[in-house]
Amino acid sequence: MKALLLYPGFPKTFWSYDEFMKIAGLKAFIPPLGILTVAALLPADWEIRFYDRNVNQETDADWQWCEIVILSAMLAQKQDFLALIQKAVQLGKKVAVGGPYPTSVPEAALQAGANYLILDEGEITVPQFLEAIAQNQEQGIFRALEKPDVTTSPIPRFDLLKRDEYLTMAIQFSRGCPFQCEFCDIINLYGRKPRTKEPSQTLAELQTLYDLGWRGSVLIVDDNFIGNTRNVKRLLRELIPWMQERHYPFTFLTEASVNLAEDSELLELMNQAGFYAVFLGIETPDQDSLQVTRKFQNTRNPLLEACQTINQAGLLIYAGFIIGFDGERAGAGERIQTFVEQTSIPQPMLGVLQALPNTALWQRLKQEQRLLEGFGGLEVGDQNSLMNFVPTRPMAEVAKEYVEAIWTMYEPRNYLRRCFQQCLNITPNPQLQQTMYFPPGKGLRLLAQLLWRQGWQRREIRLQFWQQLWAILRTKPQFLNMYLGLCAAGEHFWEYRVLARERITEQLGFDPLTMPNSVEQELATV
């Protein structure tokens, strides 16, 4: 069988880092781990051609060559995903699809013409699909009621990647999360019982990347890396000597729940293993909103202190925030801004609350008849969409606070100040000579572009940039790469805040930062 594996393109999003990628000479942030794992599950005698359309695109000759097209997609990739299905159908090719988007909304893929829906987790459903193909079945929907044992998962086909086009490589250690946040679809997709690979499996994946010549950042894509703390510590205790023996070829970043701050042993092990950053789902500093959305793990200890503890353990903090929870008091956007300033989190990902399909939030709002079908993020698939449900406070008020927060937090001087302060907040790991890693050629290109843009062209931050750069060189030279990387990412976010404002303006029908008096007066009376 000749299979063309395609990963659809992303629109501009918070995480696409478009302008940063341009100046660094890169194409994409991370590779698509899911479809690379599917590739490893396919029979050895299948011929495979793979394209991540965010890096390079397939040719007409590839379409003519293939017998089947296999796609995987997330919600944000909806537009290109559906277009690729339709193209395959027009060319008379069989189409098999999978991934989080079709798993959550299979109807869209079926309507577009997909023949095979390989849903849920591939370790179970890919063999079902292969059996159907062997029996010459023309179509099928393959689902799994149970969750697979991830210790049987193969090493992803990293060899298919154009690795030098990515900022970081990616591996997965666990699936699932023990918590019950109402808005989150992870527990629907992967369950509340975290399933982990064996340490030997993870080391084998890292060895594969090492043997392929990769040196630099590795994102552990788990939705909650510390969901099973016992097994995480088992991994880290084996990872530390592995890293030491190879003189720390990688630096790691991952996503974890805020209760990471409660486990000093875990923080120390992550530090020794070469972790330099963690993404936290903080969501909001409003305790009542955390209770409403069932994010109880964020209410046990003060969030500000948790962030300080994690910084002191040697980790840079990325974080997600949400506005628009039920019962939310006015001024939520300002309170998020205040928290971000207090913690100096450089890149706060702020989004308007979305009810994702089949989540507890979706089910509750459906029962309350508050869902707005065909509206908001389920169409746009990005963080800067209005709610797809009727909120408990005026939508225009939420939109105004969202855009004001994005606009202010990513004002260039504010952003650079947080980048600088975050680097000062972090306790350095003496074993790591550098935190973020750039290949020498691309690192030099990035530095030259950055010195020109922020050290000269942008007059409003020119002096600030040089003063902070000099201070980093004097006080924390091992953080130079991290600081420069954060500064360079600002080039993306300064464009992104304009895009976010434009998208919300399009949906509202007016610019929330210059809200008409009639709307202001109406909100004042609510």
Protein backbone atom coordinates (compact mmCIF):
# COMPACT_ATOMS: atom_id res chain seq x y z
CA MET A 1 0.00 0.00 0.00
CA LYS A 2 1.23 3.48 -0.90
CA ALA A 3 0.19 5.88 1.87
CA LEU A 4 0.48 9.66 1.83
CA LEU A 5 0.48 10.93 5.42
CA LEU A 6 -0.37 14.62 5.74
CA TYR A 7 -0.48 16.92 8.75
CA PRO A 8 -2.70 19.95 7.96
CA GLY A 9 -1.56 23.53 8.21
CA PHE A 10 -2.31 25.76 11.20
CA PRO A 11 -3.67 29.30 10.92
CA LYS A 12 -1.91 32.00 12.90
CA THR A 13 -2.33 31.14 16.56
CA PHE A 14 -0.72 32.02 19.86
CA TRP A 15 1.62 29.05 19.54
CA SER A 16 2.48 29.37 15.85
CA TYR A 17 5.30 31.87 16.56
CA ASP A 18 5.12 32.97 12.91
CA GLU A 19 7.42 35.98 12.96
CA PHE A 20 9.83 34.29 15.35
CA MET A 21 10.09 31.33 12.95
CA LYS A 22 10.87 33.66 10.07
CA ILE A 23 13.72 35.44 11.80
CA ALA A 24 15.12 32.16 13.18
CA GLY A 25 15.00 30.46 9.78
CA LEU A 26 12.62 27.76 11.07
CA LYS A 27 9.23 26.53 9.88
CA ALA A 28 7.37 25.09 12.87
CA PHE A 29 7.43 24.95 16.66
CA ILE A 30 7.05 21.18 17.18
CA PRO A 31 6.54 18.09 15.02
CA PRO A 32 3.19 16.21 14.92
CA LEU A 33 3.83 13.35 17.30
CA GLY A 34 0.46 11.64 16.80
CA ILE A 35 0.73 10.96 13.08
CA LEU A 36 4.39 9.94 13.49
CA THR A 37 3.19 7.31 15.97
CA VAL A 38 0.52 6.18 13.49
CA ALA A 39 3.26 5.84 10.87
CA ALA A 40 5.11 3.50 13.24
CA LEU A 41 1.95 1.39 13.62
CA LEU A 42 1.57 0.84 9.86
CA PRO A 43 2.87 -2.40 8.27
CA ALA A 44 6.54 -2.50 7.39
CA ASP A 45 5.77 -3.29 3.76
CA TRP A 46 3.68 -0.12 3.27
CA GLU A 47 5.37 2.66 1.34
CA ILE A 48 5.04 5.94 3.24
CA ARG A 49 5.49 9.55 2.25
CA PHE A 50 4.97 12.09 5.03
CA TYR A 51 4.51 15.86 4.90
CA ASP A 52 3.92 18.29 7.73
CA ARG A 53 2.24 21.03 5.71
CA ASN A 54 3.48 23.61 8.21
CA VAL A 55 7.02 22.77 7.05
CA ASN A 56 6.75 21.67 3.41
CA GLN A 57 3.90 20.64 1.17
CA GLU A 58 3.28 17.58 -0.92
CA THR A 59 3.39 17.70 -4.72
CA ASP A 60 0.94 16.67 -7.42
CA ALA A 61 3.19 13.69 -8.02
CA ASP A 62 2.66 12.57 -4.40
CA TRP A 63 -1.09 12.68 -4.89
CA GLN A 64 -0.84 10.66 -8.09
CA TRP A 65 1.50 8.13 -6.44
CA CYS A 66 -0.58 7.34 -3.37
CA GLU A 67 -3.41 4.84 -2.93
CA ILE A 68 -4.61 6.20 0.41
CA VAL A 69 -4.32 9.54 2.23
CA ILE A 70 -4.02 9.52 6.03
CA LEU A 71 -4.69 12.73 7.98
CA SER A 72 -4.54 13.71 11.65
CA ALA A 73 -5.78 17.03 12.99
CA MET A 74 -6.63 19.21 15.95
CA LEU A 75 -9.54 21.64 16.03
CA ALA A 76 -7.42 24.62 14.97
CA GLN A 77 -6.48 22.77 11.74
CA LYS A 78 -10.12 22.31 10.71
CA GLN A 79 -10.02 24.37 7.52
CA ASP A 80 -7.01 22.69 5.89
CA PHE A 81 -8.04 19.28 7.23
CA LEU A 82 -11.46 19.37 5.56
CA ALA A 83 -9.98 20.80 2.34
CA LEU A 84 -7.50 17.90 2.13
CA ILE A 85 -10.28 15.34 2.57
CA GLN A 86 -12.25 16.97 -0.22
CA LYS A 87 -9.20 17.07 -2.50
CA ALA A 88 -8.55 13.38 -1.92
CA VAL A 89 -12.16 12.53 -2.71
CA GLN A 90 -12.01 14.56 -5.94
CA LEU A 91 -8.87 12.67 -6.97
CA GLY A 92 -10.51 9.32 -6.22
CA LYS A 93 -8.23 8.48 -3.30
CA LYS A 94 -9.29 6.68 -0.14
CA VAL A 95 -9.08 8.86 2.96
CA ALA A 96 -8.41 7.77 6.56
CA VAL A 97 -8.53 10.36 9.36
CA GLY A 98 -7.84 10.51 13.06
CA GLY A 99 -6.67 12.78 15.83
CA PRO A 100 -8.41 14.94 18.46
CA TYR A 101 -10.64 16.88 16.03
CA PRO A 102 -12.35 13.97 14.22
CA THR A 103 -12.48 12.02 17.49
CA SER A 104 -14.48 14.86 19.06
CA VAL A 105 -16.50 15.84 15.95
CA PRO A 106 -16.56 12.82 13.59
CA GLU A 107 -19.54 14.19 11.62
CA ALA A 108 -17.45 16.89 9.92
CA ALA A 109 -14.97 14.37 8.50
CA LEU A 110 -17.77 12.07 7.32
CA GLN A 111 -19.58 14.92 5.60
CA ALA A 112 -16.35 15.93 3.84
CA GLY A 113 -16.05 12.41 2.42
CA ALA A 114 -13.61 10.50 4.65
CA ASN A 115 -13.76 6.73 4.16
CA TYR A 116 -12.15 5.57 7.39
CA LEU A 117 -12.35 7.24 10.79
CA ILE A 118 -9.55 5.96 13.04
CA LEU A 119 -10.73 7.53 16.28
CA ASP A 120 -9.65 7.49 19.92
CA GLU A 121 -6.15 6.08 20.49
CA GLY A 122 -4.30 4.51 17.59
CA GLU A 123 -2.69 1.60 19.44
CA ILE A 124 -6.15 -0.01 19.42
CA THR A 125 -7.89 1.52 16.40
CA VAL A 126 -5.08 1.45 13.79
CA PRO A 127 -4.98 -2.39 13.90
CA GLN A 128 -8.79 -2.38 13.44
CA PHE A 129 -8.35 -0.14 10.40
CA LEU A 130 -5.60 -2.36 8.97
CA GLU A 131 -7.80 -5.44 9.36
CA ALA A 132 -10.60 -3.67 7.47
CA ILE A 133 -8.16 -2.77 4.68
CA ALA A 134 -6.97 -6.39 4.50
CA GLN A 135 -10.60 -7.47 4.10
CA ASN A 136 -11.13 -4.91 1.31
CA GLN A 137 -13.71 -2.94 3.29
CA GLU A 138 -14.44 0.36 1.57
CA GLN A 139 -15.19 2.32 4.74
CA GLY A 140 -15.37 2.06 8.50
CA ILE A 141 -15.45 3.86 11.82
CA PHE A 142 -13.03 2.41 14.34
CA ARG A 143 -13.43 3.25 18.03
CA ALA A 144 -12.08 1.94 21.32
CA LEU A 145 -14.10 1.76 24.52
CA GLU A 146 -11.01 0.97 26.57
CA LYS A 147 -7.75 2.91 26.88
CA PRO A 148 -4.61 1.25 25.51
CA ASP A 149 -1.59 0.28 27.55
CA VAL A 150 0.91 2.89 26.35
CA THR A 151 3.80 0.58 27.21
CA THR A 152 2.93 -1.08 23.88
CA SER A 153 3.24 2.18 21.93
CA PRO A 154 6.01 2.16 19.30
CA ILE A 155 8.78 4.71 18.88
CA PRO A 156 7.43 7.47 16.61
CA ARG A 157 8.93 7.71 13.11
CA PHE A 158 11.23 10.64 13.87
CA ASP A 159 13.24 9.68 10.78
CA LEU A 160 10.40 11.02 8.56
CA LEU A 161 10.90 14.57 9.84
CA LYS A 162 12.85 17.49 8.40
CA ARG A 163 14.19 17.96 11.90
CA ASP A 164 16.22 21.09 11.24
CA GLU A 165 13.00 22.97 10.39
CA TYR A 166 11.62 22.67 13.95
CA LEU A 167 12.35 24.67 17.06
CA THR A 168 11.98 21.65 19.32
CA MET A 169 11.43 17.91 19.08
CA ALA A 170 8.64 16.14 20.99
CA ILE A 171 8.03 12.94 22.91
CA GLN A 172 5.15 11.69 25.07
CA PHE A 173 5.50 9.96 28.44
CA SER A 174 1.90 9.80 29.66
CA ARG A 175 -1.73 10.22 28.64
CA GLY A 176 -4.62 11.31 30.84
CA CYS A 177 -5.01 13.66 33.79
CA PRO A 178 -6.35 12.93 37.30
CA PHE A 179 -8.22 16.22 37.61
CA GLN A 180 -11.71 17.18 36.46
CA CYS A 181 -11.57 20.74 35.06
CA GLU A 182 -15.00 21.33 33.54
CA PHE A 183 -13.78 22.99 30.32
CA CYS A 184 -11.03 20.47 29.48
CA ASP A 185 -11.41 17.81 26.78
CA ILE A 186 -8.28 15.87 27.77
CA ILE A 187 -10.12 13.71 30.28
CA ASN A 188 -12.72 12.93 27.60
CA LEU A 189 -10.05 11.95 25.08
CA TYR A 190 -7.57 10.17 27.35
CA GLY A 191 -9.29 9.55 30.70
CA ARG A 192 -8.64 10.54 34.30
CA LYS A 193 -6.23 7.70 35.07
CA PRO A 194 -2.79 8.75 33.80
CA ARG A 195 -1.12 5.97 31.83
CA THR A 196 2.64 6.14 31.52
CA LYS A 197 5.30 4.53 29.40
CA GLU A 198 8.16 2.67 31.01
CA PRO A 199 11.31 4.73 31.64
CA SER A 200 13.19 2.42 29.25
CA GLN A 201 10.69 3.28 26.49
CA THR A 202 11.18 7.00 26.95
CA LEU A 203 14.95 6.64 27.03
CA ALA A 204 14.76 4.61 23.81
CA GLU A 205 12.83 7.45 22.14
CA LEU A 206 15.39 9.97 23.35
CA GLN A 207 18.21 7.72 22.16
CA THR A 208 16.57 7.59 18.73
CA LEU A 209 16.54 11.40 18.57
CA TYR A 210 20.12 11.48 19.84
CA ASP A 211 21.26 8.98 17.18
CA LEU A 212 19.49 11.00 14.47
CA GLY A 213 21.67 13.95 15.48
CA TRP A 214 19.16 16.09 17.36
CA ARG A 215 20.61 18.42 19.99
CA GLY A 216 18.43 20.96 21.74
CA SER A 217 14.98 21.35 23.23
CA VAL A 218 12.57 18.44 23.64
CA LEU A 219 8.95 19.09 24.54
CA ILE A 220 7.30 16.35 26.58
CA VAL A 221 3.79 16.84 25.25
CA ASP A 222 1.88 15.26 28.14
CA ASP A 223 -1.15 17.31 29.13
CA ASN A 224 -0.09 16.81 32.73
CA PHE A 225 3.43 15.43 33.04
CA ILE A 226 3.05 14.95 36.80
CA GLY A 227 -0.35 13.21 36.69
CA ASN A 228 1.32 10.04 38.04
CA THR A 229 4.06 11.38 40.30
CA ARG A 230 5.36 7.94 41.27
CA ASN A 231 6.09 6.96 37.69
CA VAL A 232 7.41 10.40 36.75
CA LYS A 233 9.98 10.13 39.52
CA ARG A 234 10.93 6.65 38.27
CA LEU A 235 11.55 8.16 34.83
CA LEU A 236 13.53 11.12 36.12
CA ARG A 237 15.80 8.94 38.27
CA GLU A 238 16.79 7.02 35.14
CA LEU A 239 16.86 10.09 32.90
CA ILE A 240 19.36 11.98 35.08
CA PRO A 241 22.32 9.57 34.60
CA TRP A 242 21.38 9.14 30.92
CA MET A 243 21.65 12.89 30.43
CA GLN A 244 24.85 13.17 32.45
CA GLU A 245 26.55 10.41 30.45
CA ARG A 246 25.79 12.28 27.20
CA HIS A 247 26.71 15.71 28.62
CA TYR A 248 23.15 17.05 28.54
CA PRO A 249 22.34 16.95 24.81
CA PHE A 250 18.74 18.05 25.43
CA THR A 251 16.86 20.54 27.54
CA PHE A 252 13.26 19.73 28.41
CA LEU A 253 10.00 21.60 28.78
CA THR A 254 6.56 20.22 29.56
CA GLU A 255 3.08 20.95 30.88
CA ALA A 256 2.09 20.31 34.48
CA SER A 257 -0.55 21.19 37.04
CA VAL A 258 0.23 23.89 39.60
CA ASN A 259 0.48 21.34 42.42
CA LEU A 260 3.99 20.71 41.05
CA ALA A 261 5.01 23.42 43.53
CA GLU A 262 3.96 21.17 46.43
CA ASP A 263 6.55 18.46 45.63
CA SER A 264 10.09 19.67 46.28
CA GLU A 265 11.61 16.27 45.43
CA LEU A 266 9.92 16.26 42.02
CA LEU A 267 11.10 19.81 41.31
CA GLU A 268 14.67 18.87 42.22
CA LEU A 269 14.60 15.77 40.01
CA MET A 270 13.27 17.80 37.06
CA ASN A 271 16.03 20.33 37.60
CA GLN A 272 18.74 17.67 37.65
CA ALA A 273 17.30 16.00 34.54
CA GLY A 274 17.62 19.17 32.48
CA PHE A 275 14.13 20.69 32.54
CA TYR A 276 14.19 24.43 31.94
CA ALA A 277 10.50 25.35 31.54
CA VAL A 278 6.97 24.29 32.42
CA PHE A 279 3.55 25.37 31.16
CA LEU A 280 1.01 25.81 33.96
CA GLY A 281 -2.76 25.92 33.60
CA ILE A 282 -3.36 28.79 36.00
CA GLU A 283 -6.57 29.94 34.23
CA THR A 284 -7.50 32.73 36.66
CA PRO A 285 -6.50 34.19 40.04
CA ASP A 286 -10.23 34.35 40.96
CA GLN A 287 -10.86 31.61 43.50
CA ASP A 288 -14.61 31.56 42.90
CA SER A 289 -14.10 30.95 39.15
CA LEU A 290 -11.65 28.13 39.90
CA GLN A 291 -14.30 26.51 42.08
CA VAL A 292 -16.98 26.91 39.39
CA THR A 293 -14.82 25.24 36.75
CA ARG A 294 -13.74 22.48 39.18
CA LYS A 295 -10.05 23.38 39.04
CA PHE A 296 -9.69 22.58 42.70
CA GLN A 297 -5.97 21.80 42.49
CA ASN A 298 -5.37 25.54 41.96
CA THR A 299 -7.17 26.50 45.16
CA ARG A 300 -5.10 24.53 47.67
CA ASN A 301 -2.22 27.00 47.93
CA PRO A 302 -1.67 30.63 46.88
CA LEU A 303 -0.94 30.71 43.14
CA LEU A 304 1.58 33.52 43.47
CA GLU A 305 3.64 31.51 45.96
CA ALA A 306 3.43 28.43 43.73
CA CYS A 307 4.93 30.36 40.81
CA GLN A 308 7.72 31.70 43.00
CA THR A 309 8.53 28.18 44.22
CA ILE A 310 8.70 26.84 40.67
CA ASN A 311 10.96 29.72 39.55
CA GLN A 312 13.25 29.12 42.53
CA ALA A 313 13.49 25.46 41.50
CA GLY A 314 15.04 26.58 38.20
CA LEU A 315 12.04 26.55 35.85
CA LEU A 316 10.80 29.22 33.45
CA ILE A 317 7.00 29.52 33.61
CA TYR A 318 4.65 29.63 30.65
CA ALA A 319 0.98 29.76 31.62
CA GLY A 320 -2.57 29.64 30.32
CA PHE A 321 -5.38 31.95 31.41
CA ILE A 322 -9.09 31.99 30.58
CA ILE A 323 -11.71 34.72 30.78
CA GLY A 324 -15.47 34.22 30.66
CA PHE A 325 -16.28 31.72 33.43
CA ASP A 326 -19.82 31.54 34.75
CA GLY A 327 -20.41 34.00 37.57
CA GLU A 328 -17.19 35.86 36.79
CA ARG A 329 -17.03 39.33 38.27
CA ALA A 330 -16.27 42.36 36.12
CA GLY A 331 -12.58 43.23 35.94
CA ALA A 332 -11.34 39.64 35.47
CA GLY A 333 -9.03 40.79 32.67
CA GLU A 334 -7.41 43.38 34.93
CA ARG A 335 -6.93 40.83 37.71
CA ILE A 336 -5.20 38.48 35.27
CA GLN A 337 -2.96 41.34 34.14
CA THR A 338 -2.04 42.09 37.75
CA PHE A 339 -1.18 38.45 38.41
CA VAL A 340 0.97 38.28 35.27
CA GLU A 341 2.87 41.40 36.35
CA GLN A 342 3.38 40.00 39.87
CA THR A 343 4.80 36.74 38.52
CA SER A 344 6.56 38.18 35.44
CA ILE A 345 5.24 35.31 33.31
CA PRO A 346 6.54 36.37 29.87
CA GLN A 347 4.03 34.68 27.57
CA PRO A 348 0.60 34.41 29.21
CA MET A 349 -1.75 32.56 26.85
CA LEU A 350 -5.10 34.26 27.43
CA GLY A 351 -8.20 32.85 25.77
CA VAL A 352 -11.94 33.40 25.93
CA LEU A 353 -13.71 30.37 27.41
CA GLN A 354 -14.91 27.88 24.81
CA ALA A 355 -17.23 24.93 25.36
CA LEU A 356 -15.41 22.13 23.54
CA PRO A 357 -17.46 19.18 22.29
CA ASN A 358 -18.35 16.50 24.85
CA THR A 359 -16.66 18.22 27.80
CA ALA A 360 -18.50 18.54 31.10
CA LEU A 361 -18.94 22.24 30.30
CA TRP A 362 -20.44 21.41 26.90
CA GLN A 363 -22.87 18.93 28.44
CA ARG A 364 -23.96 21.35 31.18
CA LEU A 365 -24.48 24.26 28.79
CA LYS A 366 -26.35 22.01 26.38
CA GLN A 367 -28.68 20.97 29.19
CA GLU A 368 -29.14 24.63 30.13
CA GLN A 369 -29.83 25.44 26.43
CA ARG A 370 -27.04 28.04 26.39
CA LEU A 371 -24.91 26.70 23.50
CA LEU A 372 -24.72 28.90 20.43
CA GLU A 373 -24.47 26.44 17.55
CA GLY A 374 -22.06 27.35 14.77
CA PHE A 375 -20.69 30.36 16.67
CA GLY A 376 -17.32 31.32 18.09
CA GLY A 377 -14.33 29.06 18.59
CA LEU A 378 -15.82 25.88 17.15
CA GLU A 379 -15.68 27.69 13.81
CA VAL A 380 -12.51 29.72 14.29
CA GLY A 381 -10.58 27.19 16.36
CA ASP A 382 -8.34 29.71 18.08
CA GLN A 383 -7.99 31.32 21.47
CA ASN A 384 -9.28 34.72 20.32
CA SER A 385 -12.86 33.84 19.56
CA LEU A 386 -15.91 34.88 21.50
CA MET A 387 -17.76 32.30 23.56
CA ASN A 388 -19.86 29.73 21.75
CA PHE A 389 -22.45 29.92 24.53
CA VAL A 390 -24.54 32.54 26.33
CA PRO A 391 -22.32 33.90 29.15
CA THR A 392 -23.46 35.12 32.56
CA ARG A 393 -22.21 38.63 31.90
CA PRO A 394 -22.38 40.72 28.71
CA MET A 395 -20.27 39.23 25.93
CA ALA A 396 -19.12 42.72 24.90
CA GLU A 397 -17.76 43.27 28.42
CA VAL A 398 -15.81 39.99 28.30
CA ALA A 399 -14.51 40.84 24.82
CA LYS A 400 -13.39 44.29 25.94
CA GLU A 401 -11.49 42.91 28.95
CA TYR A 402 -9.91 40.19 26.82
CA VAL A 403 -8.63 42.55 24.13
CA GLU A 404 -7.47 45.13 26.69
CA ALA A 405 -5.50 42.44 28.55
CA ILE A 406 -3.87 41.05 25.39
CA TRP A 407 -3.12 44.56 24.14
CA THR A 408 -1.53 45.67 27.41
CA MET A 409 0.36 42.50 28.33
CA TYR A 410 1.94 42.32 24.89
CA GLU A 411 2.80 45.99 24.62
CA PRO A 412 6.52 45.72 23.70
CA ARG A 413 7.91 47.47 26.79
CA ASN A 414 5.72 45.44 29.15
CA TYR A 415 6.63 42.21 27.40
CA LEU A 416 10.40 42.83 27.45
CA ARG A 417 10.27 43.81 31.12
CA ARG A 418 8.61 40.49 32.03
CA CYS A 419 11.13 38.52 29.95
CA PHE A 420 13.96 40.19 31.84
CA GLN A 421 12.38 39.81 35.28
CA GLN A 422 11.47 36.16 34.71
CA CYS A 423 15.12 35.38 33.91
CA LEU A 424 16.14 37.12 37.11
CA ASN A 425 13.54 35.16 39.11
CA ILE A 426 14.84 31.73 38.03
CA THR A 427 17.50 29.98 40.07
CA PRO A 428 20.04 28.68 37.53
CA ASN A 429 20.91 25.00 37.13
CA PRO A 430 24.73 24.85 37.26
CA GLN A 431 24.74 21.67 35.14
CA LEU A 432 23.15 23.40 32.12
CA GLN A 433 25.40 25.71 30.16
CA GLN A 434 22.39 27.05 28.27
CA THR A 435 18.65 26.69 28.62
CA MET A 436 17.16 27.27 25.19
CA TYR A 437 19.27 25.79 22.41
CA PHE A 438 19.67 27.06 18.86
CA PRO A 439 21.87 25.43 16.21
CA PRO A 440 24.93 27.69 15.68
CA GLY A 441 23.96 28.83 12.17
CA LYS A 442 20.38 29.63 13.04
CA GLY A 443 21.38 31.05 16.41
CA LEU A 444 23.66 33.58 14.71
CA ARG A 445 20.91 34.51 12.25
CA LEU A 446 18.44 34.98 15.10
CA LEU A 447 20.89 37.13 17.06
CA ALA A 448 21.63 39.35 14.06
CA GLN A 449 17.93 39.84 13.30
CA LEU A 450 17.16 40.56 16.94
CA LEU A 451 19.93 43.12 17.39
CA TRP A 452 18.74 44.90 14.25
CA ARG A 453 15.03 44.85 15.04
CA GLN A 454 14.94 45.46 18.78
CA GLY A 455 18.37 46.98 19.22
CA TRP A 456 17.84 49.56 16.49
CA GLN A 457 14.58 49.61 14.50
CA ARG A 458 12.09 49.62 17.38
CA ARG A 459 12.84 53.00 18.92
CA GLU A 460 10.35 52.61 21.76
CA ILE A 461 12.28 49.65 23.22
CA ARG A 462 15.79 50.21 21.86
CA LEU A 463 17.32 51.54 25.08
CA GLN A 464 15.43 49.05 27.25
CA PHE A 465 16.62 46.16 25.09
CA TRP A 466 20.31 47.07 25.40
CA GLN A 467 20.11 47.82 29.12
CA GLN A 468 18.44 44.51 29.88
CA LEU A 469 20.76 42.55 27.58
CA TRP A 470 23.79 44.01 29.33
CA ALA A 471 22.33 43.18 32.74
CA ILE A 472 21.71 39.55 31.71
CA LEU A 473 25.27 39.24 30.40
CA ARG A 474 26.66 40.59 33.68
CA THR A 475 24.46 38.74 36.16
CA LYS A 476 23.12 35.58 34.49
CA PRO A 477 25.07 34.78 31.31
CA GLN A 478 23.76 31.18 31.29
CA PHE A 479 20.31 32.68 30.67
CA LEU A 480 21.43 34.58 27.56
CA ASN A 481 19.87 32.11 25.10
CA MET A 482 16.63 32.02 27.06
CA TYR A 483 16.42 35.80 27.25
CA LEU A 484 17.18 36.28 23.56
CA GLY A 485 14.68 33.55 22.63
CA LEU A 486 11.96 35.23 24.69
CA CYS A 487 12.78 38.62 23.17
CA ALA A 488 12.64 37.19 19.65
CA ALA A 489 9.24 35.61 20.37
CA GLY A 490 8.00 39.12 21.05
CA GLU A 491 8.11 39.78 17.32
CA HIS A 492 5.34 37.19 16.94
CA PHE A 493 3.26 38.39 19.88
CA TRP A 494 3.34 42.02 18.82
CA GLU A 495 1.70 40.95 15.58
CA TYR A 496 -0.57 38.47 17.31
CA ARG A 497 -2.13 41.09 19.60
CA VAL A 498 -3.18 43.06 16.49
CA LEU A 499 -4.64 39.90 14.97
CA ALA A 500 -6.52 39.06 18.18
CA ARG A 501 -8.02 42.55 18.25
CA GLU A 502 -9.03 42.31 14.59
CA ARG A 503 -10.68 38.90 15.08
CA ILE A 504 -12.72 40.05 18.06
CA THR A 505 -13.67 43.27 16.26
CA GLU A 506 -14.92 41.22 13.31
CA GLN A 507 -17.10 39.09 15.55
CA LEU A 508 -18.46 41.98 17.64
CA GLY A 509 -18.99 44.38 14.78
CA PHE A 510 -16.96 47.09 16.53
CA ASP A 511 -13.51 47.55 18.09
CA PRO A 512 -13.73 46.76 21.84
CA LEU A 513 -10.89 49.18 22.57
CA THR A 514 -12.91 52.02 21.07
CA MET A 515 -16.29 50.72 22.19
CA PRO A 516 -19.27 52.88 21.09
CA ASN A 517 -20.80 55.02 23.82
CA SER A 518 -24.14 53.26 23.48
CA VAL A 519 -22.53 49.91 24.35
CA GLU A 520 -20.56 51.44 27.25
CA GLN A 521 -23.76 52.92 28.67
CA GLU A 522 -25.61 49.65 28.28
CA LEU A 523 -22.87 47.74 30.09
CA ALA A 524 -22.78 50.33 32.87
CA THR A 525 -26.44 49.62 33.65
CA VAL A 526 -26.01 45.82 33.81
